[in-house]
Each structure stands twice: as C-alpha cells, then as structure tokens.
C-alpha cells in the first residue's frame, strides 16, 4: 500500500521569500522590475505602536508590485486558506478601475501559475 504524501502548507512570509527567488531568477532572462511592499501598520519589534498612515501607508496595498514596459501589476500573495481583507479588496478594485492588472495567488502552485501569466 502506497502512503499519501502530506502536502506542506507554507506560511505567507515563506511564500513571499520563494516568490522573490523565483522573480530574481526570471530577471536573468526577462526585463521587469519588482518590489515587495512592506505595508503593515501596527506593533513593531520593540513593542511600540507607530501610526504610519500620516506617512503614506495605505492599508490593503498588494504585497508585490511588478513593473513591465508600459504595465504596472499588483500581486497579492495568500496561503492556500488565506482570505483577502476588506482593505485589500478595495485596493485591488481601485487599481483595476485605474487600468492596472491585479492578481491574487493562493499557495505556491497558484503563484507559479500566476507568474507565468504575468511574465
């Protein structure tokens, strides 16, 4: 009898790190720029709360921005069971209305599929 291999569910930060490695590899053969948006508001490592909204932090901004010639793409990463927050839904809707592409990926397999569509 063959054992079923248990599927490992990665944490969101691990998905982000793996995506960065993949995109850096793809930059060797394709021309685009990407960056991760560190946009959380709240407690920091030292325990103090900083209100970053006056500095321009916008709740709900997608995790990654990918710039191709003439295109801006926003890419939100979630675990397989993750859900978009209301702020994320609003952000994605607003940037779509401005004519930019958006993608949401749930888990590593979905990330791979979406990267192929994006690039």
PDB file of N, CA and C in Angstrom:
ATOM      1  N   UNK A   1       0.841  -1.177   0.000  1.00  0.00           N
ATOM      2  CA  UNK A   1       0.000   0.000   0.000  1.00  0.00           C
ATOM      3  C   UNK A   1       0.890   1.245   0.000  1.00  0.00           C
ATOM      4  N   UNK A   2       0.566   2.188  -0.892  1.00  0.00           N
ATOM      5  CA  UNK A   2       1.356   3.398  -1.022  1.00  0.00           C
ATOM      6  C   UNK A   2       0.837   4.465  -0.069  1.00  0.00           C
ATOM      7  N   UNK A   3       1.768   5.130   0.632  1.00  0.00           N
ATOM      8  CA  UNK A   3       1.386   6.200   1.544  1.00  0.00           C
ATOM      9  C   UNK A   3       1.136   7.480   0.761  1.00  0.00           C
ATOM     10  N   UNK A   4       0.140   8.215   1.193  1.00  0.00           N
ATOM     11  CA  UNK A   4      -0.110   9.532   0.616  1.00  0.00           C
ATOM     12  C   UNK A   4       0.897  10.507   1.196  1.00  0.00           C
ATOM     13  N   UNK A   5       1.470  11.317   0.321  1.00  0.00           N
ATOM     14  CA  UNK A   5       2.410  12.314   0.786  1.00  0.00           C
ATOM     15  C   UNK A   5       1.629  13.520   1.286  1.00  0.00           C
ATOM     16  N   UNK A   6       1.938  13.919   2.508  1.00  0.00           N
ATOM     17  CA  UNK A   6       1.240  15.047   3.103  1.00  0.00           C
ATOM     18  C   UNK A   6       1.719  16.337   2.453  1.00  0.00           C
ATOM     19  N   UNK A   7       0.769  17.172   2.033  1.00  0.00           N
ATOM     20  CA  UNK A   7       1.089  18.434   1.401  1.00  0.00           C
ATOM     21  C   UNK A   7       1.445  19.448   2.484  1.00  0.00           C
ATOM     22  N   UNK A   8       2.609  20.070   2.348  1.00  0.00           N
ATOM     23  CA  UNK A   8       3.067  21.046   3.321  1.00  0.00           C
ATOM     24  C   UNK A   8       2.512  22.401   2.941  1.00  0.00           C
ATOM     25  N   UNK A   9       1.906  23.063   3.896  1.00  0.00           N
ATOM     26  CA  UNK A   9       1.362  24.395   3.671  1.00  0.00           C
ATOM     27  C   UNK A   9       2.371  25.419   4.184  1.00  0.00           C
ATOM     28  N   UNK A  10       2.849  26.268   3.282  1.00  0.00           N
ATOM     29  CA  UNK A  10       3.839  27.272   3.641  1.00  0.00           C
ATOM     30  C   UNK A  10       3.175  28.487   4.272  1.00  0.00           C
ATOM     31  N   UNK A  11       3.905  29.143   5.151  1.00  0.00           N
ATOM     32  CA  UNK A  11       3.442  30.397   5.724  1.00  0.00           C
ATOM     33  C   UNK A  11       3.563  31.484   4.660  1.00  0.00           C
ATOM     34  N   UNK A  12       2.789  32.549   4.825  1.00  0.00           N
ATOM     35  CA  UNK A  12       2.797  33.616   3.829  1.00  0.00           C
ATOM     36  C   UNK A  12       4.191  34.218   3.637  1.00  0.00           C
ATOM     37  N   UNK A  13       4.930  34.421   4.736  1.00  0.00           N
ATOM     38  CA  UNK A  13       6.267  35.011   4.589  1.00  0.00           C
ATOM     39  C   UNK A  13       7.196  34.083   3.805  1.00  0.00           C
ATOM     40  N   UNK A  14       7.016  32.769   3.938  1.00  0.00           N
ATOM     41  CA  UNK A  14       7.831  31.822   3.174  1.00  0.00           C
ATOM     42  C   UNK A  14       7.457  31.850   1.696  1.00  0.00           C
ATOM     43  N   UNK A  15       6.174  32.021   1.421  1.00  0.00           N
ATOM     44  CA  UNK A  15       5.732  32.174   0.032  1.00  0.00           C
ATOM     45  C   UNK A  15       6.349  33.424  -0.580  1.00  0.00           C
ATOM     46  N   UNK A  16       6.397  34.511   0.187  1.00  0.00           N
ATOM     47  CA  UNK A  16       6.995  35.756  -0.291  1.00  0.00           C
ATOM     48  C   UNK A  16       8.469  35.547  -0.641  1.00  0.00           C
ATOM     49  N   UNK A  17       9.203  34.912   0.267  1.00  0.00           N
ATOM     50  CA  UNK A  17      10.634  34.677   0.040  1.00  0.00           C
ATOM     51  C   UNK A  17      10.862  33.801  -1.190  1.00  0.00           C
ATOM     52  N   UNK A  18      10.041  32.779  -1.348  1.00  0.00           N
ATOM     53  CA  UNK A  18      10.187  31.896  -2.502  1.00  0.00           C
ATOM     54  C   UNK A  18       9.845  32.629  -3.793  1.00  0.00           C
ATOM     55  N   UNK A  19       8.838  33.491  -3.750  1.00  0.00           N
ATOM     56  CA  UNK A  19       8.482  34.277  -4.928  1.00  0.00           C
ATOM     57  C   UNK A  19       9.611  35.226  -5.308  1.00  0.00           C
ATOM     58  N   UNK A  20      10.236  35.855  -4.329  1.00  0.00           N
ATOM     59  CA  UNK A  20      11.360  36.748  -4.611  1.00  0.00           C
ATOM     60  C   UNK A  20      12.476  35.983  -5.328  1.00  0.00           C
ATOM     61  N   UNK A  21      12.802  34.795  -4.850  1.00  0.00           N
ATOM     62  CA  UNK A  21      13.838  33.979  -5.506  1.00  0.00           C
ATOM     63  C   UNK A  21      13.447  33.663  -6.946  1.00  0.00           C
ATOM     64  N   UNK A  22      12.196  33.297  -7.150  1.00  0.00           N
ATOM     65  CA  UNK A  22      11.717  32.972  -8.494  1.00  0.00           C
ATOM     66  C   UNK A  22      11.799  34.189  -9.406  1.00  0.00           C
ATOM     67  N   UNK A  23      11.337  35.340  -8.928  1.00  0.00           N
ATOM     68  CA  UNK A  23      11.354  36.538  -9.764  1.00  0.00           C
ATOM     69  C   UNK A  23      12.782  36.987 -10.074  1.00  0.00           C
ATOM     70  N   UNK A  24      13.682  36.880  -9.109  1.00  0.00           N
ATOM     71  CA  UNK A  24      15.088  37.228  -9.371  1.00  0.00           C
ATOM     72  C   UNK A  24      15.674  36.315 -10.439  1.00  0.00           C
ATOM     73  N   UNK A  25      15.322  35.056 -10.390  1.00  0.00           N
ATOM     74  CA  UNK A  25      15.781  34.114 -11.414  1.00  0.00           C
ATOM     75  C   UNK A  25      15.227  34.499 -12.793  1.00  0.00           C
ATOM     76  N   UNK A  26      13.958  34.856 -12.834  1.00  0.00           N
ATOM     77  CA  UNK A  26      13.321  35.232 -14.106  1.00  0.00           C
ATOM     78  C   UNK A  26      13.915  36.518 -14.674  1.00  0.00           C
ATOM     79  N   UNK A  27      14.426  37.397 -13.806  1.00  0.00           N
ATOM     80  CA  UNK A  27      15.038  38.636 -14.281  1.00  0.00           C
ATOM     81  C   UNK A  27      16.311  38.386 -15.082  1.00  0.00           C
ATOM     82  N   UNK A  28      16.863  37.197 -14.972  1.00  0.00           N
ATOM     83  CA  UNK A  28      18.057  36.872 -15.755  1.00  0.00           C
ATOM     84  C   UNK A  28      17.751  36.811 -17.246  1.00  0.00           C
ATOM     85  N   UNK A  29      16.499  36.525 -17.590  1.00  0.00           N
ATOM     86  CA  UNK A  29      16.136  36.380 -18.998  1.00  0.00           C
ATOM     87  C   UNK A  29      15.001  37.301 -19.448  1.00  0.00           C
ATOM     88  N   UNK A  30      14.372  37.999 -18.500  1.00  0.00           N
ATOM     89  CA  UNK A  30      13.245  38.874 -18.842  1.00  0.00           C
ATOM     90  C   UNK A  30      13.450  40.234 -18.197  1.00  0.00           C
ATOM     91  N   UNK A  31      12.946  41.266 -18.876  1.00  0.00           N
ATOM     92  CA  UNK A  31      13.131  42.628 -18.378  1.00  0.00           C
ATOM     93  C   UNK A  31      11.885  43.085 -17.617  1.00  0.00           C
ATOM     94  N   UNK A  32      12.036  43.228 -16.319  1.00  0.00           N
ATOM     95  CA  UNK A  32      10.997  43.761 -15.454  1.00  0.00           C
ATOM     96  C   UNK A  32      11.632  44.129 -14.116  1.00  0.00           C
ATOM     97  N   UNK A  33      10.935  44.953 -13.377  1.00  0.00           N
ATOM     98  CA  UNK A  33      11.352  45.339 -12.030  1.00  0.00           C
ATOM     99  C   UNK A  33      10.238  44.913 -11.088  1.00  0.00           C
ATOM    100  N   UNK A  34      10.607  44.455  -9.920  1.00  0.00           N
ATOM    101  CA  UNK A  34       9.601  44.130  -8.918  1.00  0.00           C
ATOM    102  C   UNK A  34      10.079  44.601  -7.562  1.00  0.00           C
ATOM    103  N   UNK A  35       9.119  44.813  -6.693  1.00  0.00           N
ATOM    104  CA  UNK A  35       9.467  45.107  -5.312  1.00  0.00           C
ATOM    105  C   UNK A  35       8.343  44.644  -4.404  1.00  0.00           C
ATOM    106  N   UNK A  36       8.730  44.357  -3.182  1.00  0.00           N
ATOM    107  CA  UNK A  36       7.798  43.940  -2.136  1.00  0.00           C
ATOM    108  C   UNK A  36       7.372  45.189  -1.376  1.00  0.00           C
ATOM    109  N   UNK A  37       6.092  45.282  -1.088  1.00  0.00           N
ATOM    110  CA  UNK A  37       5.571  46.425  -0.354  1.00  0.00           C
ATOM    111  C   UNK A  37       5.417  46.027   1.109  1.00  0.00           C
ATOM    112  N   UNK A  38       6.258  46.569   1.961  1.00  0.00           N
ATOM    113  CA  UNK A  38       6.161  46.326   3.404  1.00  0.00           C
ATOM    114  C   UNK A  38       5.202  47.368   3.939  1.00  0.00           C
ATOM    115  N   UNK A  39       3.979  46.968   4.170  1.00  0.00           N
ATOM    116  CA  UNK A  39       2.920  47.944   4.378  1.00  0.00           C
ATOM    117  C   UNK A  39       2.082  47.690   5.621  1.00  0.00           C
ATOM    118  N   UNK A  40       2.582  46.880   6.545  1.00  0.00           N
ATOM    119  CA  UNK A  40       1.766  46.617   7.726  1.00  0.00           C
ATOM    120  C   UNK A  40       1.856  47.788   8.699  1.00  0.00           C
ATOM    121  N   UNK A  41       0.766  48.024   9.363  1.00  0.00           N
ATOM    122  CA  UNK A  41       0.686  49.091  10.346  1.00  0.00           C
ATOM    123  C   UNK A  41       0.419  48.427  11.691  1.00  0.00           C
ATOM    124  N   UNK A  42       1.185  48.786  12.690  1.00  0.00           N
ATOM    125  CA  UNK A  42       0.927  48.194  13.995  1.00  0.00           C
ATOM    126  C   UNK A  42       2.172  48.065  14.824  1.00  0.00           C
ATOM    127  N   UNK A  43       2.175  47.094  15.703  1.00  0.00           N
ATOM    128  CA  UNK A  43       3.281  46.911  16.630  1.00  0.00           C
ATOM    129  C   UNK A  43       4.562  46.540  15.900  1.00  0.00           C
ATOM    130  N   UNK A  44       5.632  47.055  16.388  1.00  0.00           N
ATOM    131  CA  UNK A  44       6.948  46.734  15.864  1.00  0.00           C
ATOM    132  C   UNK A  44       7.678  45.859  16.885  1.00  0.00           C
ATOM    133  N   UNK A  45       8.850  45.418  16.528  1.00  0.00           N
ATOM    134  CA  UNK A  45       9.607  44.501  17.375  1.00  0.00           C
ATOM    135  C   UNK A  45       9.828  45.050  18.785  1.00  0.00           C
ATOM    136  N   UNK A  46       9.973  46.354  18.912  1.00  0.00           N
ATOM    137  CA  UNK A  46      10.231  46.922  20.238  1.00  0.00           C
ATOM    138  C   UNK A  46       8.951  47.147  21.031  1.00  0.00           C
ATOM    139  N   UNK A  47       7.796  46.772  20.469  1.00  0.00           N
ATOM    140  CA  UNK A  47       6.538  46.861  21.198  1.00  0.00           C
ATOM    141  C   UNK A  47       5.814  48.179  21.055  1.00  0.00           C
ATOM    142  N   UNK A  48       6.430  49.161  20.430  1.00  0.00           N
ATOM    143  CA  UNK A  48       5.771  50.448  20.259  1.00  0.00           C
ATOM    144  C   UNK A  48       4.869  50.426  19.042  1.00  0.00           C
ATOM    145  N   UNK A  49       3.806  51.194  19.123  1.00  0.00           N
ATOM    146  CA  UNK A  49       2.873  51.307  18.007  1.00  0.00           C
ATOM    147  C   UNK A  49       3.200  52.576  17.235  1.00  0.00           C
ATOM    148  N   UNK A  50       3.322  52.447  15.946  1.00  0.00           N
ATOM    149  CA  UNK A  50       3.564  53.588  15.081  1.00  0.00           C
ATOM    150  C   UNK A  50       2.401  53.709  14.119  1.00  0.00           C
ATOM    151  N   UNK A  51       1.819  54.893  14.042  1.00  0.00           N
ATOM    152  CA  UNK A  51       0.757  55.147  13.079  1.00  0.00           C
ATOM    153  C   UNK A  51       1.426  55.652  11.814  1.00  0.00           C
ATOM    154  N   UNK A  52       1.551  54.774  10.828  1.00  0.00           N
ATOM    155  CA  UNK A  52       2.264  55.115   9.607  1.00  0.00           C
ATOM    156  C   UNK A  52       1.355  55.721   8.535  1.00  0.00           C
ATOM    157  N   UNK A  53       0.058  55.783   8.775  1.00  0.00           N
ATOM    158  CA  UNK A  53      -0.852  56.355   7.782  1.00  0.00           C
ATOM    159  C   UNK A  53      -0.478  57.791   7.415  1.00  0.00           C
ATOM    160  N   UNK A  54      -0.095  58.662   8.385  1.00  0.00           N
ATOM    161  CA  UNK A  54       0.289  60.017   8.000  1.00  0.00           C
ATOM    162  C   UNK A  54       1.525  60.060   7.093  1.00  0.00           C
ATOM    163  N   UNK A  55       2.287  58.964   7.076  1.00  0.00           N
ATOM    164  CA  UNK A  55       3.475  58.889   6.233  1.00  0.00           C
ATOM    165  C   UNK A  55       3.163  58.279   4.873  1.00  0.00           C
ATOM    166  N   UNK A  56       1.895  57.974   4.619  1.00  0.00           N
ATOM    167  CA  UNK A  56       1.510  57.480   3.300  1.00  0.00           C
ATOM    168  C   UNK A  56       1.238  56.001   3.212  1.00  0.00           C
ATOM    169  N   UNK A  57       1.309  55.284   4.324  1.00  0.00           N
ATOM    170  CA  UNK A  57       0.991  53.864   4.289  1.00  0.00           C
ATOM    171  C   UNK A  57      -0.504  53.711   4.001  1.00  0.00           C
ATOM    172  N   UNK A  58      -0.821  52.860   3.064  1.00  0.00           N
ATOM    173  CA  UNK A  58      -2.205  52.642   2.649  1.00  0.00           C
ATOM    174  C   UNK A  58      -2.595  51.208   2.959  1.00  0.00           C
ATOM    175  N   UNK A  59      -3.482  50.992   3.906  1.00  0.00           N
ATOM    176  CA  UNK A  59      -3.904  49.625   4.229  1.00  0.00           C
ATOM    177  C   UNK A  59      -4.488  48.924   3.003  1.00  0.00           C
ATOM    178  N   UNK A  60      -4.094  47.682   2.821  1.00  0.00           N
ATOM    179  CA  UNK A  60      -4.645  46.888   1.732  1.00  0.00           C
ATOM    180  C   UNK A  60      -3.784  46.820   0.485  1.00  0.00           C
ATOM    181  N   UNK A  61      -2.683  47.582   0.431  1.00  0.00           N
ATOM    182  CA  UNK A  61      -1.824  47.552  -0.757  1.00  0.00           C
ATOM    183  C   UNK A  61      -1.298  46.138  -0.971  1.00  0.00           C
ATOM    184  N   UNK A  62      -1.256  45.727  -2.223  1.00  0.00           N
ATOM    185  CA  UNK A  62      -0.810  44.378  -2.570  1.00  0.00           C
ATOM    186  C   UNK A  62       0.637  44.151  -2.120  1.00  0.00           C
ATOM    187  N   UNK A  63       0.990  42.892  -1.926  1.00  0.00           N
ATOM    188  CA  UNK A  63       2.314  42.529  -1.433  1.00  0.00           C
ATOM    189  C   UNK A  63       3.442  42.895  -2.381  1.00  0.00           C
ATOM    190  N   UNK A  64       3.208  42.728  -3.684  1.00  0.00           N
ATOM    191  CA  UNK A  64       4.253  42.958  -4.672  1.00  0.00           C
ATOM    192  C   UNK A  64       3.743  43.861  -5.780  1.00  0.00           C
ATOM    193  N   UNK A  65       4.662  44.656  -6.301  1.00  0.00           N
ATOM    194  CA  UNK A  65       4.396  45.449  -7.494  1.00  0.00           C
ATOM    195  C   UNK A  65       5.414  44.995  -8.542  1.00  0.00           C
ATOM    196  N   UNK A  66       4.924  44.710  -9.732  1.00  0.00           N
ATOM    197  CA  UNK A  66       5.783  44.271 -10.835  1.00  0.00           C
ATOM    198  C   UNK A  66       5.608  45.268 -11.965  1.00  0.00           C
ATOM    199  N   UNK A  67       6.723  45.817 -12.431  1.00  0.00           N
ATOM    200  CA  UNK A  67       6.706  46.809 -13.495  1.00  0.00           C
ATOM    201  C   UNK A  67       7.315  46.221 -14.757  1.00  0.00           C
ATOM    202  N   UNK A  68       6.509  46.188 -15.792  1.00  0.00           N
ATOM    203  CA  UNK A  68       6.977  45.773 -17.112  1.00  0.00           C
ATOM    204  C   UNK A  68       6.835  46.991 -18.018  1.00  0.00           C
ATOM    205  N   UNK A  69       7.399  46.937 -19.184  1.00  0.00           N
ATOM    206  CA  UNK A  69       7.295  48.087 -20.079  1.00  0.00           C
ATOM    207  C   UNK A  69       5.826  48.454 -20.301  1.00  0.00           C
ATOM    208  N   UNK A  70       5.451  49.637 -19.846  1.00  0.00           N
ATOM    209  CA  UNK A  70       4.095  50.128 -20.029  1.00  0.00           C
ATOM    210  C   UNK A  70       3.039  49.486 -19.152  1.00  0.00           C
ATOM    211  N   UNK A  71       3.447  48.701 -18.169  1.00  0.00           N
ATOM    212  CA  UNK A  71       2.478  47.992 -17.330  1.00  0.00           C
ATOM    213  C   UNK A  71       2.868  48.032 -15.861  1.00  0.00           C
ATOM    214  N   UNK A  72       1.856  48.161 -15.022  1.00  0.00           N
ATOM    215  CA  UNK A  72       2.025  48.036 -13.576  1.00  0.00           C
ATOM    216  C   UNK A  72       1.088  46.926 -13.111  1.00  0.00           C
ATOM    217  N   UNK A  73       1.652  45.956 -12.413  1.00  0.00           N
ATOM    218  CA  UNK A  73       0.897  44.787 -11.964  1.00  0.00           C
ATOM    219  C   UNK A  73       1.032  44.682 -10.450  1.00  0.00           C
ATOM    220  N   UNK A  74      -0.086  44.513  -9.781  1.00  0.00           N
ATOM    221  CA  UNK A  74      -0.087  44.323  -8.336  1.00  0.00           C
ATOM    222  C   UNK A  74      -0.412  42.864  -8.040  1.00  0.00           C
ATOM    223  N   UNK A  75       0.380  42.259  -7.152  1.00  0.00           N
ATOM    224  CA  UNK A  75       0.316  40.819  -6.905  1.00  0.00           C
ATOM    225  C   UNK A  75       0.191  40.578  -5.405  1.00  0.00           C
ATOM    226  N   UNK A  76      -0.938  40.050  -4.994  1.00  0.00           N
ATOM    227  CA  UNK A  76      -1.204  39.735  -3.588  1.00  0.00           C
ATOM    228  C   UNK A  76      -1.010  38.237  -3.372  1.00  0.00           C
ATOM    229  N   UNK A  77      -0.299  37.889  -2.317  1.00  0.00           N
ATOM    230  CA  UNK A  77       0.016  36.501  -2.016  1.00  0.00           C
ATOM    231  C   UNK A  77      -0.711  36.078  -0.738  1.00  0.00           C
ATOM    232  N   UNK A  78      -1.351  34.926  -0.808  1.00  0.00           N
ATOM    233  CA  UNK A  78      -2.046  34.359   0.341  1.00  0.00           C
ATOM    234  C   UNK A  78      -1.661  32.885   0.480  1.00  0.00           C
ATOM    235  N   UNK A  79      -1.811  32.369   1.678  1.00  0.00           N
ATOM    236  CA  UNK A  79      -1.678  30.926   1.847  1.00  0.00           C
ATOM    237  C   UNK A  79      -2.875  30.274   1.156  1.00  0.00           C
ATOM    238  N   UNK A  80      -2.839  28.966   1.038  1.00  0.00           N
ATOM    239  CA  UNK A  80      -3.936  28.266   0.366  1.00  0.00           C
ATOM    240  C   UNK A  80      -5.287  28.534   1.019  1.00  0.00           C
ATOM    241  N   UNK A  81      -5.277  28.761   2.313  1.00  0.00           N
ATOM    242  CA  UNK A  81      -6.535  29.008   3.024  1.00  0.00           C
ATOM    243  C   UNK A  81      -6.730  30.485   3.370  1.00  0.00           C
ATOM    244  N   UNK A  82      -5.839  31.339   2.886  1.00  0.00           N
ATOM    245  CA  UNK A  82      -5.896  32.757   3.196  1.00  0.00           C
ATOM    246  C   UNK A  82      -7.104  33.446   2.567  1.00  0.00           C
ATOM    247  N   UNK A  83      -7.423  34.611   3.099  1.00  0.00           N
ATOM    248  CA  UNK A  83      -8.548  35.407   2.596  1.00  0.00           C
ATOM    249  C   UNK A  83      -8.123  36.856   2.486  1.00  0.00           C
ATOM    250  N   UNK A  84      -8.673  37.535   1.495  1.00  0.00           N
ATOM    251  CA  UNK A  84      -8.417  38.958   1.346  1.00  0.00           C
ATOM    252  C   UNK A  84      -9.156  39.738   2.422  1.00  0.00           C
ATOM    253  N   UNK A  85      -8.511  40.767   2.950  1.00  0.00           N
ATOM    254  CA  UNK A  85      -9.184  41.665   3.884  1.00  0.00           C
ATOM    255  C   UNK A  85     -10.063  42.624   3.075  1.00  0.00           C
ATOM    256  N   UNK A  86     -10.949  43.300   3.749  1.00  0.00           N
ATOM    257  CA  UNK A  86     -11.777  44.297   3.064  1.00  0.00           C
ATOM    258  C   UNK A  86     -10.907  45.374   2.426  1.00  0.00           C
ATOM    259  N   UNK A  87      -9.867  45.829   3.141  1.00  0.00           N
ATOM    260  CA  UNK A  87      -8.961  46.847   2.587  1.00  0.00           C
ATOM    261  C   UNK A  87      -8.252  46.339   1.339  1.00  0.00           C
ATOM    262  N   UNK A  88      -7.864  45.081   1.320  1.00  0.00           N
ATOM    263  CA  UNK A  88      -7.208  44.515   0.142  1.00  0.00           C
ATOM    264  C   UNK A  88      -8.165  44.453  -1.040  1.00  0.00           C
ATOM    265  N   UNK A  89      -9.395  44.061  -0.786  1.00  0.00           N
ATOM    266  CA  UNK A  89     -10.402  44.023  -1.854  1.00  0.00           C
ATOM    267  C   UNK A  89     -10.614  45.411  -2.447  1.00  0.00           C
ATOM    268  N   UNK A  90     -10.700  46.410  -1.594  1.00  0.00           N
ATOM    269  CA  UNK A  90     -10.897  47.786  -2.056  1.00  0.00           C
ATOM    270  C   UNK A  90      -9.700  48.249  -2.877  1.00  0.00           C
ATOM    271  N   UNK A  91      -8.484  47.997  -2.379  1.00  0.00           N
ATOM    272  CA  UNK A  91      -7.284  48.404  -3.107  1.00  0.00           C
ATOM    273  C   UNK A  91      -7.249  47.771  -4.494  1.00  0.00           C
ATOM    274  N   UNK A  92      -7.449  46.463  -4.566  1.00  0.00           N
ATOM    275  CA  UNK A  92      -7.387  45.770  -5.851  1.00  0.00           C
ATOM    276  C   UNK A  92      -8.455  46.289  -6.809  1.00  0.00           C
ATOM    277  N   UNK A  93      -9.640  46.525  -6.308  1.00  0.00           N
ATOM    278  CA  UNK A  93     -10.724  47.065  -7.135  1.00  0.00           C
ATOM    279  C   UNK A  93     -10.350  48.443  -7.668  1.00  0.00           C
ATOM    280  N   UNK A  94      -9.812  49.290  -6.804  1.00  0.00           N
ATOM    281  CA  UNK A  94      -9.456  50.651  -7.210  1.00  0.00           C
ATOM    282  C   UNK A  94      -8.354  50.679  -8.268  1.00  0.00           C
ATOM    283  N   UNK A  95      -7.332  49.851  -8.109  1.00  0.00           N
ATOM    284  CA  UNK A  95      -6.260  49.873  -9.109  1.00  0.00           C
ATOM    285  C   UNK A  95      -6.722  49.247 -10.426  1.00  0.00           C
ATOM    286  N   UNK A  96      -7.622  48.286 -10.366  1.00  0.00           N
ATOM    287  CA  UNK A  96      -8.198  47.735 -11.601  1.00  0.00           C
ATOM    288  C   UNK A  96      -8.979  48.812 -12.343  1.00  0.00           C
ATOM    289  N   UNK A  97      -9.729  49.616 -11.595  1.00  0.00           N
ATOM    290  CA  UNK A  97     -10.501  50.695 -12.211  1.00  0.00           C
ATOM    291  C   UNK A  97      -9.598  51.744 -12.857  1.00  0.00           C
ATOM    292  N   UNK A  98      -8.345  51.838 -12.396  1.00  0.00           N
ATOM    293  CA  UNK A  98      -7.370  52.743 -13.000  1.00  0.00           C
ATOM    294  C   UNK A  98      -6.643  52.102 -14.178  1.00  0.00           C
ATOM    295  N   UNK A  99      -7.004  50.864 -14.489  1.00  0.00           N
ATOM    296  CA  UNK A  99      -6.442  50.200 -15.665  1.00  0.00           C
ATOM    297  C   UNK A  99      -5.231  49.332 -15.431  1.00  0.00           C
ATOM    298  N   UNK A 100      -4.918  49.040 -14.168  1.00  0.00           N
ATOM    299  CA  UNK A 100      -3.763  48.186 -13.865  1.00  0.00           C
ATOM    300  C   UNK A 100      -4.221  46.749 -13.631  1.00  0.00           C
ATOM    301  N   UNK A 101      -3.326  45.805 -13.912  1.00  0.00           N
ATOM    302  CA  UNK A 101      -3.643  44.394 -13.672  1.00  0.00           C
ATOM    303  C   UNK A 101      -3.383  44.042 -12.221  1.00  0.00           C
ATOM    304  N   UNK A 102      -4.197  43.148 -11.699  1.00  0.00           N
ATOM    305  CA  UNK A 102      -4.003  42.630 -10.350  1.00  0.00           C
ATOM    306  C   UNK A 102      -4.153  41.115 -10.374  1.00  0.00           C
ATOM    307  N   UNK A 103      -3.410  40.474  -9.489  1.00  0.00           N
ATOM    308  CA  UNK A 103      -3.502  39.023  -9.325  1.00  0.00           C
ATOM    309  C   UNK A 103      -3.471  38.706  -7.845  1.00  0.00           C
ATOM    310  N   UNK A 104      -4.215  37.694  -7.468  1.00  0.00           N
ATOM    311  CA  UNK A 104      -4.158  37.142  -6.122  1.00  0.00           C
ATOM    312  C   UNK A 104      -3.841  35.662  -6.288  1.00  0.00           C
ATOM    313  N   UNK A 105      -2.829  35.197  -5.571  1.00  0.00           N
ATOM    314  CA  UNK A 105      -2.451  33.789  -5.641  1.00  0.00           C
ATOM    315  C   UNK A 105      -2.591  33.163  -4.261  1.00  0.00           C
ATOM    316  N   UNK A 106      -3.111  31.939  -4.256  1.00  0.00           N
ATOM    317  CA  UNK A 106      -3.344  31.200  -3.014  1.00  0.00           C
ATOM    318  C   UNK A 106      -2.460  29.952  -3.006  1.00  0.00           C
ATOM    319  N   UNK A 107      -1.311  30.046  -2.353  1.00  0.00           N
ATOM    320  CA  UNK A 107      -0.398  28.914  -2.277  1.00  0.00           C
ATOM    321  C   UNK A 107       0.597  28.899  -3.430  1.00  0.00           C
ATOM    322  N   UNK A 108       1.615  28.045  -3.289  1.00  0.00           N
ATOM    323  CA  UNK A 108       2.740  28.043  -4.225  1.00  0.00           C
ATOM    324  C   UNK A 108       2.341  27.641  -5.646  1.00  0.00           C
ATOM    325  N   UNK A 109       1.524  26.630  -5.799  1.00  0.00           N
ATOM    326  CA  UNK A 109       1.140  26.204  -7.148  1.00  0.00           C
ATOM    327  C   UNK A 109       0.415  27.323  -7.885  1.00  0.00           C
ATOM    328  N   UNK A 110      -0.435  28.037  -7.182  1.00  0.00           N
ATOM    329  CA  UNK A 110      -1.158  29.159  -7.784  1.00  0.00           C
ATOM    330  C   UNK A 110      -0.195  30.307  -8.108  1.00  0.00           C
ATOM    331  N   UNK A 111       0.797  30.531  -7.257  1.00  0.00           N
ATOM    332  CA  UNK A 111       1.810  31.561  -7.527  1.00  0.00           C
ATOM    333  C   UNK A 111       2.512  31.250  -8.842  1.00  0.00           C
ATOM    334  N   UNK A 112       2.953  30.004  -9.011  1.00  0.00           N
ATOM    335  CA  UNK A 112       3.648  29.617 -10.246  1.00  0.00           C
ATOM    336  C   UNK A 112       2.783  29.863 -11.475  1.00  0.00           C
ATOM    337  N   UNK A 113       1.518  29.507 -11.376  1.00  0.00           N
ATOM    338  CA  UNK A 113       0.590  29.702 -12.493  1.00  0.00           C
ATOM    339  C   UNK A 113       0.429  31.204 -12.816  1.00  0.00           C
ATOM    340  N   UNK A 114       0.289  32.018 -11.782  1.00  0.00           N
ATOM    341  CA  UNK A 114       0.074  33.449 -11.981  1.00  0.00           C
ATOM    342  C   UNK A 114       1.328  34.133 -12.522  1.00  0.00           C
ATOM    343  N   UNK A 115       2.505  33.719 -12.052  1.00  0.00           N
ATOM    344  CA  UNK A 115       3.751  34.310 -12.552  1.00  0.00           C
ATOM    345  C   UNK A 115       3.865  34.071 -14.053  1.00  0.00           C
ATOM    346  N   UNK A 116       3.491  32.894 -14.516  1.00  0.00           N
ATOM    347  CA  UNK A 116       3.526  32.612 -15.953  1.00  0.00           C
ATOM    348  C   UNK A 116       2.599  33.558 -16.719  1.00  0.00           C
ATOM    349  N   UNK A 117       1.440  33.879 -16.160  1.00  0.00           N
ATOM    350  CA  UNK A 117       0.513  34.824 -16.812  1.00  0.00           C
ATOM    351  C   UNK A 117       1.063  36.238 -16.789  1.00  0.00           C
ATOM    352  N   UNK A 118       1.696  36.607 -15.689  1.00  0.00           N
ATOM    353  CA  UNK A 118       2.195  37.973 -15.520  1.00  0.00           C
ATOM    354  C   UNK A 118       3.382  38.230 -16.442  1.00  0.00           C
ATOM    355  N   UNK A 119       4.303  37.276 -16.503  1.00  0.00           N
ATOM    356  CA  UNK A 119       5.524  37.492 -17.272  1.00  0.00           C
ATOM    357  C   UNK A 119       5.426  36.847 -18.648  1.00  0.00           C
TER     358      UNK A 119
END
